[in-house]
Amino acid sequence: MKDVVFDKKHYTSAINNRCLTILEHVPKENFGGKSMLEIGAGVGLPGGFFENLGCTVTSADGRAENVKEGKVRFPNRQWFELNFEKSDLSEIVAGQKYDYILCLGLLYHLVNPEKV
């Protein structure tokens, strides 16, 4: 595995805190057997948190190097490289229904976050 910014202590701590905050609103038992679309996944660490709760995660990120590293870390997960500014997410959705959509840390990178 490649050491990336997502492995830095401040980042892993922030991911954990964000995921724990979600669990304050949605009981962890609600994720077992469910599906999740993780957009702006980075290398997929937040999705990994929910995989550990029994969720099936599909991940997408705009950077090829993140997707490549994510496939190494989470080889059983479906991955997409996607420009969120230009795509309507139809490539990912393609008739698939997701129980949850996880979007942590993506919107502030976008020129037009409202569109996404």
N, C-alpha and C. Protein backbone atom coordinates (compact mmCIF):
# COMPACT_ATOMS: atom_id res chain seq x y z
N MET A 1 0.84 -1.19 0.00
CA MET A 1 0.00 0.00 0.00
C MET A 1 0.88 1.24 0.00
N LYS A 2 0.40 2.20 -0.70
CA LYS A 2 1.09 3.47 -0.81
C LYS A 2 0.66 4.37 0.36
N ASP A 3 1.62 5.08 0.96
CA ASP A 3 1.30 6.04 2.02
C ASP A 3 0.78 7.32 1.37
N VAL A 4 -0.44 7.67 1.66
CA VAL A 4 -1.08 8.85 1.07
C VAL A 4 -1.59 9.77 2.17
N VAL A 5 -2.01 10.95 1.78
CA VAL A 5 -2.50 11.94 2.75
C VAL A 5 -3.62 11.37 3.61
N PHE A 6 -4.41 10.46 3.05
CA PHE A 6 -5.53 9.87 3.78
C PHE A 6 -5.08 9.02 4.96
N ASP A 7 -3.79 8.67 5.00
CA ASP A 7 -3.24 7.87 6.10
C ASP A 7 -2.70 8.72 7.25
N LYS A 8 -2.64 10.03 7.08
CA LYS A 8 -2.13 10.91 8.13
C LYS A 8 -3.08 10.89 9.32
N LYS A 9 -2.52 11.01 10.52
CA LYS A 9 -3.33 10.89 11.75
C LYS A 9 -4.49 11.88 11.79
N HIS A 10 -4.26 13.12 11.38
CA HIS A 10 -5.34 14.10 11.44
C HIS A 10 -6.49 13.71 10.50
N TYR A 11 -6.15 13.07 9.39
CA TYR A 11 -7.19 12.67 8.45
C TYR A 11 -7.94 11.44 8.94
N THR A 12 -7.21 10.42 9.40
CA THR A 12 -7.88 9.21 9.88
C THR A 12 -8.75 9.53 11.10
N SER A 13 -8.30 10.46 11.93
CA SER A 13 -9.09 10.88 13.08
C SER A 13 -10.38 11.57 12.62
N ALA A 14 -10.26 12.42 11.61
CA ALA A 14 -11.44 13.12 11.09
C ALA A 14 -12.43 12.14 10.46
N ILE A 15 -11.93 11.16 9.73
CA ILE A 15 -12.81 10.14 9.13
C ILE A 15 -13.56 9.40 10.23
N ASN A 16 -12.84 8.96 11.22
CA ASN A 16 -13.48 8.22 12.31
C ASN A 16 -14.53 9.07 13.00
N ASN A 17 -14.21 10.32 13.28
CA ASN A 17 -15.17 11.21 13.94
C ASN A 17 -16.42 11.44 13.09
N ARG A 18 -16.23 11.61 11.79
CA ARG A 18 -17.38 11.81 10.90
C ARG A 18 -18.27 10.57 10.87
N CYS A 19 -17.65 9.41 10.78
CA CYS A 19 -18.43 8.17 10.75
C CYS A 19 -19.16 7.95 12.07
N LEU A 20 -18.50 8.23 13.19
CA LEU A 20 -19.16 8.10 14.49
C LEU A 20 -20.31 9.09 14.63
N THR A 21 -20.18 10.26 14.04
CA THR A 21 -21.27 11.23 14.06
C THR A 21 -22.47 10.69 13.28
N ILE A 22 -22.22 10.04 12.17
CA ILE A 22 -23.32 9.42 11.41
C ILE A 22 -24.03 8.39 12.28
N LEU A 23 -23.26 7.63 13.06
CA LEU A 23 -23.86 6.61 13.92
C LEU A 23 -24.68 7.21 15.07
N GLU A 24 -24.50 8.48 15.34
CA GLU A 24 -25.36 9.16 16.33
C GLU A 24 -26.77 9.35 15.78
N HIS A 25 -26.91 9.28 14.46
CA HIS A 25 -28.20 9.52 13.81
C HIS A 25 -28.79 8.26 13.17
N VAL A 26 -27.94 7.33 12.80
CA VAL A 26 -28.38 6.08 12.19
C VAL A 26 -27.72 4.94 12.96
N PRO A 27 -28.52 4.10 13.59
CA PRO A 27 -27.93 3.00 14.38
C PRO A 27 -27.07 2.09 13.50
N LYS A 28 -25.96 1.63 14.07
CA LYS A 28 -25.02 0.82 13.29
C LYS A 28 -25.67 -0.45 12.74
N GLU A 29 -26.69 -0.96 13.40
CA GLU A 29 -27.39 -2.15 12.94
C GLU A 29 -28.09 -1.91 11.60
N ASN A 30 -28.37 -0.66 11.28
CA ASN A 30 -29.08 -0.33 10.04
C ASN A 30 -28.21 -0.48 8.80
N PHE A 31 -26.90 -0.68 8.95
CA PHE A 31 -26.01 -0.77 7.80
C PHE A 31 -25.79 -2.21 7.33
N GLY A 32 -26.04 -3.18 8.17
CA GLY A 32 -25.85 -4.57 7.79
C GLY A 32 -26.76 -4.97 6.65
N GLY A 33 -26.18 -5.55 5.61
CA GLY A 33 -26.97 -6.00 4.46
C GLY A 33 -27.44 -4.89 3.54
N LYS A 34 -27.02 -3.67 3.77
CA LYS A 34 -27.43 -2.53 2.94
C LYS A 34 -26.34 -2.19 1.94
N SER A 35 -26.70 -1.34 0.98
CA SER A 35 -25.72 -0.91 -0.03
C SER A 35 -25.47 0.59 0.12
N MET A 36 -24.25 0.99 -0.20
CA MET A 36 -23.85 2.39 -0.05
C MET A 36 -23.04 2.82 -1.26
N LEU A 37 -23.33 4.00 -1.76
CA LEU A 37 -22.53 4.64 -2.79
C LEU A 37 -21.69 5.71 -2.10
N GLU A 38 -20.38 5.57 -2.21
CA GLU A 38 -19.45 6.52 -1.60
C GLU A 38 -18.86 7.37 -2.72
N ILE A 39 -19.22 8.65 -2.75
CA ILE A 39 -18.68 9.53 -3.79
C ILE A 39 -17.67 10.48 -3.17
N GLY A 40 -16.61 10.76 -3.93
CA GLY A 40 -15.49 11.51 -3.37
C GLY A 40 -14.78 10.65 -2.35
N ALA A 41 -14.58 9.39 -2.70
CA ALA A 41 -14.13 8.37 -1.76
C ALA A 41 -12.68 8.50 -1.32
N GLY A 42 -11.87 9.24 -2.05
CA GLY A 42 -10.44 9.19 -1.76
C GLY A 42 -9.97 7.78 -2.02
N VAL A 43 -9.33 7.16 -1.03
CA VAL A 43 -8.91 5.77 -1.18
C VAL A 43 -9.90 4.80 -0.52
N GLY A 44 -11.05 5.34 -0.09
CA GLY A 44 -12.14 4.49 0.38
C GLY A 44 -12.21 4.21 1.86
N LEU A 45 -11.47 4.95 2.68
CA LEU A 45 -11.47 4.66 4.11
C LEU A 45 -12.83 4.86 4.78
N PRO A 46 -13.58 5.93 4.50
CA PRO A 46 -14.90 6.04 5.13
C PRO A 46 -15.81 4.86 4.77
N GLY A 47 -15.79 4.46 3.51
CA GLY A 47 -16.59 3.31 3.10
C GLY A 47 -16.18 2.05 3.84
N GLY A 48 -14.89 1.92 4.12
CA GLY A 48 -14.40 0.77 4.88
C GLY A 48 -15.01 0.68 6.26
N PHE A 49 -15.23 1.83 6.87
CA PHE A 49 -15.88 1.88 8.18
C PHE A 49 -17.25 1.20 8.10
N PHE A 50 -18.00 1.53 7.04
CA PHE A 50 -19.35 0.99 6.90
C PHE A 50 -19.35 -0.44 6.38
N GLU A 51 -18.31 -0.84 5.63
CA GLU A 51 -18.16 -2.25 5.26
C GLU A 51 -18.00 -3.09 6.51
N ASN A 52 -17.27 -2.57 7.49
CA ASN A 52 -17.09 -3.30 8.74
C ASN A 52 -18.39 -3.48 9.51
N LEU A 53 -19.40 -2.70 9.16
CA LEU A 53 -20.73 -2.83 9.77
C LEU A 53 -21.65 -3.70 8.92
N GLY A 54 -21.10 -4.27 7.82
CA GLY A 54 -21.88 -5.18 6.99
C GLY A 54 -22.48 -4.57 5.75
N CYS A 55 -22.10 -3.35 5.43
CA CYS A 55 -22.62 -2.64 4.26
C CYS A 55 -21.79 -3.02 3.02
N THR A 56 -22.44 -3.13 1.87
CA THR A 56 -21.75 -3.31 0.60
C THR A 56 -21.53 -1.94 0.00
N VAL A 57 -20.28 -1.58 -0.29
CA VAL A 57 -19.94 -0.22 -0.71
C VAL A 57 -19.44 -0.22 -2.16
N THR A 58 -19.93 0.75 -2.92
CA THR A 58 -19.41 1.07 -4.25
C THR A 58 -18.79 2.45 -4.12
N SER A 59 -17.55 2.61 -4.61
CA SER A 59 -16.84 3.87 -4.41
C SER A 59 -16.48 4.53 -5.72
N ALA A 60 -16.45 5.86 -5.68
CA ALA A 60 -16.05 6.66 -6.84
C ALA A 60 -15.22 7.84 -6.38
N ASP A 61 -14.20 8.15 -7.15
CA ASP A 61 -13.38 9.32 -6.88
C ASP A 61 -12.94 9.91 -8.21
N GLY A 62 -12.60 11.18 -8.18
CA GLY A 62 -12.20 11.88 -9.40
C GLY A 62 -10.73 11.72 -9.75
N ARG A 63 -9.94 11.22 -8.86
CA ARG A 63 -8.49 11.09 -9.10
C ARG A 63 -8.12 9.63 -9.36
N ALA A 64 -7.48 9.42 -10.50
CA ALA A 64 -7.09 8.06 -10.89
C ALA A 64 -6.20 7.41 -9.84
N GLU A 65 -5.27 8.18 -9.25
CA GLU A 65 -4.37 7.59 -8.26
C GLU A 65 -5.11 7.15 -7.00
N ASN A 66 -6.18 7.85 -6.64
CA ASN A 66 -6.98 7.43 -5.48
C ASN A 66 -7.73 6.14 -5.79
N VAL A 67 -8.31 6.06 -6.97
CA VAL A 67 -9.04 4.85 -7.37
C VAL A 67 -8.08 3.66 -7.42
N LYS A 68 -6.90 3.86 -7.99
CA LYS A 68 -5.91 2.79 -8.07
C LYS A 68 -5.53 2.29 -6.68
N GLU A 69 -5.26 3.20 -5.76
CA GLU A 69 -4.91 2.81 -4.39
C GLU A 69 -6.10 2.19 -3.67
N GLY A 70 -7.29 2.73 -3.91
CA GLY A 70 -8.49 2.17 -3.30
C GLY A 70 -8.73 0.73 -3.71
N LYS A 71 -8.44 0.41 -4.98
CA LYS A 71 -8.60 -0.96 -5.46
C LYS A 71 -7.62 -1.91 -4.78
N VAL A 72 -6.44 -1.39 -4.40
CA VAL A 72 -5.47 -2.21 -3.67
C VAL A 72 -5.98 -2.47 -2.25
N ARG A 73 -6.48 -1.43 -1.61
CA ARG A 73 -6.93 -1.54 -0.21
C ARG A 73 -8.25 -2.28 -0.07
N PHE A 74 -9.13 -2.09 -1.04
CA PHE A 74 -10.47 -2.68 -0.98
C PHE A 74 -10.75 -3.39 -2.31
N PRO A 75 -10.08 -4.51 -2.55
CA PRO A 75 -10.17 -5.18 -3.85
C PRO A 75 -11.53 -5.79 -4.17
N ASN A 76 -12.35 -6.02 -3.17
CA ASN A 76 -13.66 -6.62 -3.40
C ASN A 76 -14.75 -5.59 -3.67
N ARG A 77 -14.37 -4.34 -3.68
CA ARG A 77 -15.31 -3.25 -3.87
C ARG A 77 -15.30 -2.80 -5.33
N GLN A 78 -16.46 -2.41 -5.85
CA GLN A 78 -16.51 -1.85 -7.19
C GLN A 78 -16.08 -0.39 -7.12
N TRP A 79 -15.20 0.01 -8.03
CA TRP A 79 -14.64 1.36 -8.05
C TRP A 79 -14.89 2.04 -9.39
N PHE A 80 -15.08 3.37 -9.34
CA PHE A 80 -15.23 4.18 -10.54
C PHE A 80 -14.36 5.42 -10.42
N GLU A 81 -13.73 5.78 -11.52
CA GLU A 81 -13.07 7.08 -11.63
C GLU A 81 -14.05 7.97 -12.36
N LEU A 82 -14.38 9.10 -11.76
CA LEU A 82 -15.46 9.92 -12.30
C LEU A 82 -15.21 11.39 -12.04
N ASN A 83 -15.40 12.19 -13.06
CA ASN A 83 -15.34 13.64 -12.92
C ASN A 83 -16.73 14.10 -12.47
N PHE A 84 -16.86 14.45 -11.22
CA PHE A 84 -18.17 14.79 -10.67
C PHE A 84 -18.74 16.08 -11.24
N GLU A 85 -17.90 16.94 -11.76
CA GLU A 85 -18.36 18.20 -12.36
C GLU A 85 -19.06 17.94 -13.70
N LYS A 86 -18.64 16.88 -14.39
CA LYS A 86 -19.15 16.63 -15.74
C LYS A 86 -20.11 15.46 -15.84
N SER A 87 -20.20 14.65 -14.80
CA SER A 87 -21.02 13.44 -14.86
C SER A 87 -22.31 13.62 -14.09
N ASP A 88 -23.33 12.91 -14.53
CA ASP A 88 -24.60 12.90 -13.80
C ASP A 88 -24.74 11.64 -12.93
N LEU A 89 -23.65 10.94 -12.75
CA LEU A 89 -23.56 9.73 -11.93
C LEU A 89 -24.29 8.53 -12.55
N SER A 90 -24.81 8.67 -13.77
CA SER A 90 -25.54 7.56 -14.38
C SER A 90 -24.66 6.34 -14.60
N GLU A 91 -23.35 6.54 -14.82
CA GLU A 91 -22.43 5.42 -15.01
C GLU A 91 -22.41 4.53 -13.76
N ILE A 92 -22.50 5.15 -12.61
CA ILE A 92 -22.46 4.41 -11.36
C ILE A 92 -23.82 3.81 -11.04
N VAL A 93 -24.84 4.61 -11.19
CA VAL A 93 -26.17 4.19 -10.79
C VAL A 93 -26.69 3.09 -11.70
N ALA A 94 -26.73 3.31 -13.01
CA ALA A 94 -27.09 2.30 -14.02
C ALA A 94 -28.09 1.26 -13.51
N GLY A 95 -29.21 1.72 -13.00
CA GLY A 95 -30.25 0.83 -12.53
C GLY A 95 -30.04 0.29 -11.12
N GLN A 96 -28.91 0.60 -10.51
CA GLN A 96 -28.62 0.15 -9.15
C GLN A 96 -29.30 1.07 -8.14
N LYS A 97 -29.85 0.49 -7.12
CA LYS A 97 -30.44 1.27 -6.04
C LYS A 97 -29.51 1.17 -4.83
N TYR A 98 -29.23 2.30 -4.21
CA TYR A 98 -28.39 2.34 -3.02
C TYR A 98 -29.23 2.75 -1.83
N ASP A 99 -28.97 2.10 -0.71
CA ASP A 99 -29.68 2.46 0.52
C ASP A 99 -29.12 3.74 1.13
N TYR A 100 -27.82 3.96 0.95
CA TYR A 100 -27.16 5.14 1.51
C TYR A 100 -26.21 5.74 0.48
N ILE A 101 -26.05 7.04 0.56
CA ILE A 101 -25.03 7.74 -0.22
C ILE A 101 -24.13 8.45 0.78
N LEU A 102 -22.84 8.18 0.68
CA LEU A 102 -21.85 8.77 1.57
C LEU A 102 -21.03 9.77 0.78
N CYS A 103 -21.05 11.01 1.21
CA CYS A 103 -20.31 12.08 0.53
C CYS A 103 -19.62 12.91 1.60
N LEU A 104 -18.37 12.55 1.90
CA LEU A 104 -17.60 13.25 2.91
C LEU A 104 -16.39 13.89 2.26
N GLY A 105 -16.29 15.20 2.31
CA GLY A 105 -15.09 15.87 1.83
C GLY A 105 -14.99 16.06 0.34
N LEU A 106 -16.09 16.02 -0.37
CA LEU A 106 -16.06 16.21 -1.82
C LEU A 106 -16.51 17.61 -2.23
N LEU A 107 -17.60 18.06 -1.71
CA LEU A 107 -18.26 19.25 -2.25
C LEU A 107 -17.40 20.50 -2.26
N TYR A 108 -16.54 20.69 -1.28
CA TYR A 108 -15.72 21.91 -1.27
C TYR A 108 -14.64 21.90 -2.34
N HIS A 109 -14.45 20.77 -3.02
CA HIS A 109 -13.49 20.70 -4.13
C HIS A 109 -14.12 21.11 -5.46
N LEU A 110 -15.42 21.25 -5.50
CA LEU A 110 -16.14 21.45 -6.75
C LEU A 110 -16.41 22.92 -7.04
N VAL A 111 -16.41 23.26 -8.30
CA VAL A 111 -16.75 24.61 -8.74
C VAL A 111 -18.25 24.85 -8.54
N ASN A 112 -19.06 23.84 -8.84
CA ASN A 112 -20.51 23.96 -8.75
C ASN A 112 -21.08 22.81 -7.91
N PRO A 113 -20.91 22.87 -6.58
CA PRO A 113 -21.36 21.76 -5.74
C PRO A 113 -22.88 21.54 -5.77
N GLU A 114 -23.64 22.60 -6.01
CA GLU A 114 -25.09 22.46 -6.04
C GLU A 114 -25.52 21.51 -7.15
N LYS A 115 -24.82 21.55 -8.28
CA LYS A 115 -25.15 20.68 -9.41
C LYS A 115 -24.96 19.23 -9.04
N VAL A 116 -23.86 18.95 -8.35
CA VAL A 116 -23.57 17.56 -7.98
C VAL A 116 -24.57 17.10 -6.93
